[in-house]
Amino acid sequence: MSLPKTFPLRAVHGKTFQIPSVGYGTWASGETSWAKDATLTALKEGYRHLDCAWMYGVDEAVGQAIKESGIPREEIFVTSKFWCHFGHPDNVELCLDKILKNMGLDYIDLYLAHWPCVWKPASREALEKARAGPDTDDEAQGLIATADDKPVIDWEHTTSNLAKLKGHEGSFVPTWKAMQETVRKGKARSVGVSNFSITELEELLPHENDVPLSCNQIEVHPWLPQTELVDFGWKHDILITCYSPFAGQKEDGATLLKDAKVNELAKKNDMDVGQLLQSWAVQRGTVPLGKSATPARIKSNLNIRKLSDKDVKALDDLALPNEEGRTVDPSAEWDLPLYKH
């Protein structure tokens, strides 16, 4: 049985357009030489949804892959995100301009705030010269270096709940309004957020106006199903896209890809493990963003199929309590309990 190939995404002036239900993730730690060839392979295998971010440092490579693929631009859905030190309202569009220039594009389809926390940049000039990637330090990225290697937080523009936790007043609304303006200018077709909790989404919902809150990208997989946050998205027509759909490695060395139950279900359904996990995500009405540099896995991860209710429940039952399933630590650089309020 088939699963949906696309989901509707809210856009400006009450319109909707379609986003492919499986995306190809372009983040990876370490060097980035894999990016162009892997992205080109993904496009040739049928992916039409690329999930990117300025901080990944692969904009040029992904842009080259899009160009070399020969696929018309309008057939490829491109998502990108601004990193925290571009979060001041005056700098949101600057990051998008850098993304567009590096990728060789006139617009992107979805522009996201990477985190609900805003940092102070070294200067506007530093941001204009900033570059991303694993080989760049704080200075090259346009960040303020601190003695304890922590970013300097711009509390005024950080979400109100996070600012309040540290005794400050803040609001992400001015940044959100700057994001909306990129849609009105035609540089992005839609806007959304990433790593936002329900409380943080509620801060923005009264300020949708003509440009809605289209998406919240969060870590989701059977260890960490985020059911309450996913359900909140459904209630408010906020699409949930899922990074780390295969999870990562926990502190004890365990990985979801090697979980005995997951492998048993994959074998039962004649699927690769990644294919099974992507199918589970789409069947829940969410968009998985799996990443691989291996051609065979790139291909199989796209080949989603409907699972039985029993098998879906078996995967649901893998959920771990109290955030134990989280493999991406969202508070490591902030000392703030992101997601948990």
Protein backbone atom coordinates (compact mmCIF):
# COMPACT_ATOMS: atom_id res chain seq x y z
CA MET A 1 0.00 0.00 0.00
CA SER A 2 1.24 3.48 -0.78
CA LEU A 3 1.86 6.45 1.50
CA PRO A 4 1.38 10.10 0.46
CA LYS A 5 4.08 11.50 -1.78
CA THR A 6 3.40 15.06 -0.62
CA PHE A 7 1.77 16.98 2.21
CA PRO A 8 0.09 20.40 2.02
CA LEU A 9 2.07 23.31 3.45
CA ARG A 10 0.43 26.59 4.36
CA ALA A 11 1.71 29.63 2.51
CA VAL A 12 1.06 33.35 2.13
CA HIS A 13 -2.49 34.75 1.81
CA GLY A 14 -4.20 31.50 2.74
CA LYS A 15 -2.66 29.51 -0.09
CA THR A 16 -1.11 26.06 0.22
CA PHE A 17 1.47 24.20 -1.83
CA GLN A 18 2.83 20.70 -1.71
CA ILE A 19 5.99 19.59 0.06
CA PRO A 20 7.44 16.13 -0.74
CA SER A 21 6.77 13.75 2.15
CA VAL A 22 10.38 12.51 2.27
CA GLY A 23 13.31 14.91 2.33
CA TYR A 24 17.04 14.43 1.90
CA GLY A 25 19.07 15.81 4.82
CA THR A 26 22.36 17.54 4.04
CA TRP A 27 23.89 17.85 7.52
CA ALA A 28 26.87 15.78 8.59
CA SER A 29 29.66 16.37 11.06
CA GLY A 30 33.21 16.58 9.77
CA GLU A 31 34.29 17.28 6.20
CA THR A 32 31.83 18.13 3.44
CA SER A 33 33.35 16.60 0.29
CA TRP A 34 30.50 14.07 0.13
CA ALA A 35 27.80 16.71 -0.25
CA LYS A 36 27.66 17.41 -3.99
CA ASP A 37 27.87 13.81 -5.21
CA ALA A 38 25.47 12.51 -2.56
CA THR A 39 22.92 15.26 -3.22
CA LEU A 40 23.19 14.69 -6.96
CA THR A 41 22.61 10.96 -6.40
CA ALA A 42 19.56 11.76 -4.27
CA LEU A 43 18.10 13.97 -6.99
CA LYS A 44 18.72 11.36 -9.68
CA GLU A 45 17.03 8.71 -7.50
CA GLY A 46 13.90 10.84 -7.26
CA TYR A 47 14.25 13.07 -4.20
CA ARG A 48 12.66 16.47 -4.73
CA HIS A 49 13.05 17.84 -1.22
CA LEU A 50 16.42 19.01 0.13
CA ASP A 51 16.83 20.08 3.74
CA CYS A 52 19.72 22.50 4.21
CA ALA A 53 20.99 25.18 6.60
CA TRP A 54 23.58 27.93 6.47
CA MET A 55 25.49 26.34 9.35
CA TYR A 56 25.96 23.04 7.49
CA GLY A 57 28.49 24.71 5.18
CA VAL A 58 27.33 22.80 2.08
CA ASP A 59 25.30 25.46 0.27
CA GLU A 60 27.69 25.69 -2.67
CA ALA A 61 27.87 21.91 -3.06
CA VAL A 62 24.09 21.49 -2.91
CA GLY A 63 23.63 24.34 -5.38
CA GLN A 64 26.06 22.69 -7.79
CA ALA A 65 24.16 19.40 -7.49
CA ILE A 66 20.87 21.12 -8.28
CA LYS A 67 22.41 22.76 -11.33
CA GLU A 68 24.08 19.59 -12.59
CA SER A 69 20.94 17.50 -12.09
CA GLY A 70 19.17 19.30 -14.92
CA ILE A 71 15.93 19.14 -12.92
CA PRO A 72 13.87 22.34 -13.24
CA ARG A 73 14.21 24.51 -10.15
CA GLU A 74 10.45 24.61 -9.58
CA GLU A 75 10.39 20.82 -9.17
CA ILE A 76 12.81 20.86 -6.22
CA PHE A 77 11.69 21.91 -2.73
CA VAL A 78 14.57 23.59 -0.87
CA THR A 79 14.54 24.29 2.86
CA SER A 80 17.22 26.27 4.68
CA LYS A 81 17.73 27.83 8.11
CA PHE A 82 19.52 30.80 9.66
CA TRP A 83 21.93 30.15 12.50
CA CYS A 84 21.44 31.79 15.90
CA HIS A 85 23.72 34.79 15.43
CA PHE A 86 21.65 35.90 12.43
CA GLY A 87 18.54 35.96 14.66
CA HIS A 88 18.38 39.72 15.23
CA PRO A 89 15.57 41.09 13.02
CA ASP A 90 18.08 43.21 11.11
CA ASN A 91 20.14 40.15 10.12
CA VAL A 92 17.52 37.53 9.16
CA GLU A 93 17.41 38.59 5.51
CA LEU A 94 21.21 38.87 5.34
CA CYS A 95 21.58 35.17 6.09
CA LEU A 96 19.00 34.29 3.45
CA ASP A 97 20.83 36.45 0.92
CA LYS A 98 24.04 34.56 1.69
CA ILE A 99 22.25 31.22 1.29
CA LEU A 100 20.75 32.24 -2.06
CA LYS A 101 24.08 33.52 -3.36
CA ASN A 102 25.98 30.41 -2.26
CA MET A 103 23.38 28.04 -3.72
CA GLY A 104 22.89 30.05 -6.90
CA LEU A 105 19.13 30.29 -6.35
CA ASP A 106 16.61 33.11 -6.63
CA TYR A 107 14.42 31.83 -3.79
CA ILE A 108 14.01 28.97 -1.35
CA ASP A 109 10.76 27.20 -0.58
CA LEU A 110 10.96 27.18 3.22
CA TYR A 111 13.06 29.38 5.52
CA LEU A 112 13.41 28.31 9.15
CA ALA A 113 14.80 29.74 12.37
CA HIS A 114 17.30 27.06 13.41
CA TRP A 115 16.79 27.53 17.17
CA PRO A 116 14.59 29.63 19.51
CA CYS A 117 17.69 31.23 21.02
CA VAL A 118 19.37 34.29 19.45
CA TRP A 119 23.07 35.09 19.84
CA LYS A 120 24.92 38.35 19.46
CA PRO A 121 27.19 38.48 16.39
CA ALA A 122 30.63 40.03 16.45
CA SER A 123 29.33 42.80 14.17
CA ARG A 124 27.23 43.34 11.07
CA GLU A 125 30.43 43.47 9.02
CA ALA A 126 31.53 40.13 10.51
CA LEU A 127 28.18 38.59 9.48
CA GLU A 128 28.54 39.91 5.95
CA LYS A 129 31.89 38.11 5.67
CA ALA A 130 30.85 35.04 7.67
CA ARG A 131 31.20 31.53 6.31
CA ALA A 132 30.12 28.19 7.74
CA GLY A 133 31.44 24.65 7.76
CA PRO A 134 33.45 22.27 9.93
CA ASP A 135 36.73 24.05 9.21
CA THR A 136 35.56 27.46 10.45
CA ASP A 137 36.10 28.94 13.90
CA ASP A 138 33.98 31.48 15.78
CA GLU A 139 35.69 34.42 14.10
CA ALA A 140 35.11 33.04 10.59
CA GLN A 141 31.46 32.41 11.44
CA GLY A 142 31.00 35.95 12.72
CA LEU A 143 30.47 34.91 16.34
CA ILE A 144 31.62 36.57 19.53
CA ALA A 145 34.18 34.32 21.20
CA THR A 146 33.83 34.06 24.98
CA ALA A 147 36.20 32.89 27.69
CA ASP A 148 34.13 29.79 28.43
CA ASP A 149 33.50 29.09 24.73
CA LYS A 150 29.79 29.89 25.07
CA PRO A 151 27.87 32.25 22.80
CA VAL A 152 26.73 35.65 24.05
CA ILE A 153 22.95 35.43 24.12
CA ASP A 154 20.77 38.24 22.78
CA TRP A 155 18.06 37.90 25.40
CA GLU A 156 15.94 40.69 23.92
CA HIS A 157 15.25 38.62 20.79
CA THR A 158 15.28 35.14 22.32
CA THR A 159 11.88 33.54 22.93
CA SER A 160 10.11 34.96 25.98
CA ASN A 161 10.07 31.73 27.98
CA LEU A 162 13.81 31.06 27.58
CA ALA A 163 14.66 34.67 28.46
CA LYS A 164 12.41 34.51 31.52
CA LEU A 165 14.17 31.37 32.75
CA LYS A 166 17.36 33.44 33.08
CA GLY A 167 15.70 36.55 34.49
CA HIS A 168 15.41 38.54 31.26
CA GLU A 169 12.64 39.87 29.05
CA GLY A 170 12.65 38.67 25.47
CA SER A 171 10.48 38.07 22.43
CA PHE A 172 11.05 36.22 19.19
CA VAL A 173 8.19 38.12 17.53
CA PRO A 174 10.35 40.87 15.93
CA THR A 175 12.55 38.17 14.38
CA TRP A 176 9.46 36.31 13.22
CA LYS A 177 8.14 39.46 11.53
CA ALA A 178 11.47 39.89 9.74
CA MET A 179 11.14 36.29 8.51
CA GLN A 180 7.65 37.00 7.21
CA GLU A 181 9.05 39.92 5.25
CA THR A 182 11.33 37.58 3.26
CA VAL A 183 8.17 35.89 1.95
CA ARG A 184 6.61 39.21 0.97
CA LYS A 185 9.82 40.03 -0.92
CA GLY A 186 9.73 36.71 -2.79
CA LYS A 187 12.99 35.37 -1.38
CA ALA A 188 11.19 32.54 0.47
CA ARG A 189 7.86 30.91 -0.34
CA SER A 190 7.11 30.05 3.30
CA VAL A 191 8.63 30.36 6.77
CA GLY A 192 8.73 28.31 9.93
CA VAL A 193 10.90 27.31 12.86
CA SER A 194 13.06 24.47 14.14
CA ASN A 195 13.50 23.10 17.66
CA PHE A 196 10.58 25.12 19.06
CA SER A 197 8.48 23.85 21.96
CA ILE A 198 4.72 24.27 22.23
CA THR A 199 5.21 27.34 24.44
CA GLU A 200 7.48 28.92 21.84
CA LEU A 201 5.08 28.16 19.00
CA GLU A 202 2.27 29.75 21.00
CA GLU A 203 4.32 32.94 21.23
CA LEU A 204 4.28 33.27 17.43
CA LEU A 205 0.80 32.01 16.48
CA PRO A 206 -0.98 35.32 17.23
CA HIS A 207 1.38 37.01 14.76
CA GLU A 208 0.81 34.90 11.66
CA ASN A 209 -1.28 37.49 9.77
CA ASP A 210 -0.84 36.97 5.99
CA VAL A 211 2.26 34.76 6.38
CA PRO A 212 1.58 31.64 8.49
CA LEU A 213 3.82 29.54 10.69
CA SER A 214 4.18 26.68 8.20
CA CYS A 215 6.58 24.22 9.83
CA ASN A 216 8.39 23.12 12.96
CA GLN A 217 11.44 20.92 12.37
CA ILE A 218 12.35 18.76 15.38
CA GLU A 219 14.18 15.56 16.28
CA VAL A 220 11.70 12.67 15.87
CA HIS A 221 12.14 8.89 15.74
CA PRO A 222 10.64 5.90 17.61
CA TRP A 223 12.84 6.50 20.66
CA LEU A 224 11.61 10.11 20.74
CA PRO A 225 8.19 10.31 19.01
CA GLN A 226 7.38 13.82 20.35
CA THR A 227 3.69 12.94 20.14
CA GLU A 228 2.42 15.99 22.03
CA LEU A 229 4.41 18.38 19.86
CA VAL A 230 3.39 16.55 16.66
CA ASP A 231 -0.28 16.66 17.71
CA PHE A 232 0.00 20.38 18.46
CA GLY A 233 1.35 20.88 14.95
CA TRP A 234 -1.59 18.99 13.45
CA LYS A 235 -4.04 21.07 15.49
CA HIS A 236 -2.60 24.33 14.16
CA ASP A 237 -1.72 23.19 10.61
CA ILE A 238 2.00 23.38 11.36
CA LEU A 239 3.78 20.64 9.42
CA ILE A 240 6.33 18.64 11.40
CA THR A 241 9.56 17.77 9.61
CA CYS A 242 11.84 15.31 11.37
CA TYR A 243 15.61 15.49 11.60
CA SER A 244 17.58 12.50 12.87
CA PRO A 245 14.79 10.06 11.87
CA PHE A 246 17.26 7.19 12.39
CA ALA A 247 18.40 8.67 15.73
CA GLY A 248 22.06 8.76 16.62
CA GLN A 249 24.21 7.00 19.16
CA LYS A 250 23.31 7.31 22.81
CA GLU A 251 25.87 7.67 25.57
CA ASP A 252 25.77 3.92 26.23
CA GLY A 253 26.60 3.23 22.56
CA ALA A 254 23.11 2.02 21.61
CA THR A 255 21.75 2.95 18.18
CA LEU A 256 18.22 2.71 16.83
CA LEU A 257 19.50 1.25 13.56
CA LYS A 258 20.86 -1.75 15.48
CA ASP A 259 17.84 -2.18 17.75
CA ALA A 260 16.69 -5.80 17.63
CA LYS A 261 12.99 -4.96 17.32
CA VAL A 262 13.59 -2.45 14.53
CA ASN A 263 15.65 -4.96 12.59
CA GLU A 264 13.03 -7.66 13.15
CA LEU A 265 10.29 -5.39 11.76
CA ALA A 266 12.44 -4.34 8.81
CA LYS A 267 13.09 -7.99 7.90
CA LYS A 268 9.38 -8.83 8.29
CA ASN A 269 8.44 -6.03 5.86
CA ASP A 270 11.31 -6.79 3.44
CA MET A 271 12.76 -3.33 4.07
CA ASP A 272 16.04 -1.73 5.02
CA VAL A 273 15.98 -0.29 8.53
CA GLY A 274 16.13 3.28 7.24
CA GLN A 275 13.27 2.58 4.85
CA LEU A 276 11.19 1.25 7.75
CA LEU A 277 11.84 4.30 9.93
CA GLN A 278 11.08 6.73 7.11
CA SER A 279 7.83 4.86 6.39
CA TRP A 280 6.83 5.10 10.07
CA ALA A 281 7.42 8.85 10.03
CA VAL A 282 5.36 9.50 6.89
CA GLN A 283 2.57 7.25 8.14
CA ARG A 284 2.35 9.55 11.20
CA GLY A 285 1.84 12.53 8.90
CA THR A 286 5.35 13.90 9.36
CA VAL A 287 8.24 14.45 6.94
CA PRO A 288 11.47 12.52 7.65
CA LEU A 289 14.79 14.03 6.56
CA GLY A 290 17.08 11.03 6.46
CA LYS A 291 20.67 11.46 5.32
CA SER A 292 23.06 8.98 3.78
CA ALA A 293 26.04 9.22 1.48
CA THR A 294 25.66 5.58 0.36
CA PRO A 295 23.84 5.34 -3.01
CA ALA A 296 21.95 2.14 -2.16
CA ARG A 297 20.66 3.61 1.11
CA ILE A 298 19.81 6.92 -0.49
CA LYS A 299 17.60 4.97 -2.89
CA SER A 300 15.95 2.69 -0.33
CA ASN A 301 15.27 5.49 2.16
CA LEU A 302 12.98 7.11 -0.41
CA ASN A 303 11.02 3.93 -1.12
CA ILE A 304 8.48 4.26 1.69
CA ARG A 305 5.56 1.85 2.11
CA LYS A 306 2.56 1.64 4.41
CA LEU A 307 3.04 -0.48 7.52
CA SER A 308 0.42 -2.50 9.36
CA ASP A 309 -1.16 -0.93 12.43
CA LYS A 310 0.50 -3.65 14.49
CA ASP A 311 3.97 -2.78 13.19
CA VAL A 312 3.38 0.94 13.70
CA LYS A 313 2.42 0.25 17.31
CA ALA A 314 5.51 -1.91 17.78
CA LEU A 315 7.65 1.04 16.72
CA ASP A 316 5.60 3.41 18.88
CA ASP A 317 6.27 1.15 21.85
CA LEU A 318 10.02 1.80 21.56
CA ALA A 319 9.53 5.31 22.94
CA LEU A 320 11.77 6.01 25.92
CA PRO A 321 10.62 8.11 28.89
CA ASN A 322 11.78 11.52 30.05
CA GLU A 323 13.68 12.53 26.92
CA GLU A 324 16.02 9.53 27.28
CA GLY A 325 15.65 8.84 23.60
CA ARG A 326 17.08 12.19 22.56
CA THR A 327 20.30 11.84 20.62
CA VAL A 328 20.78 15.52 19.77
CA ASP A 329 21.41 17.61 22.90
CA PRO A 330 19.51 20.85 22.28
CA SER A 331 20.82 22.64 25.38
CA ALA A 332 24.53 21.88 25.10
CA GLU A 333 25.53 25.37 24.00
CA TRP A 334 22.93 27.36 25.90
CA ASP A 335 22.57 25.71 29.32
CA LEU A 336 18.83 26.09 28.74
CA PRO A 337 16.15 23.38 28.89
CA LEU A 338 14.97 23.68 25.29
CA TYR A 339 11.85 21.69 24.29
CA LYS A 340 10.94 20.95 27.88
CA HIS A 341 8.38 23.65 28.63
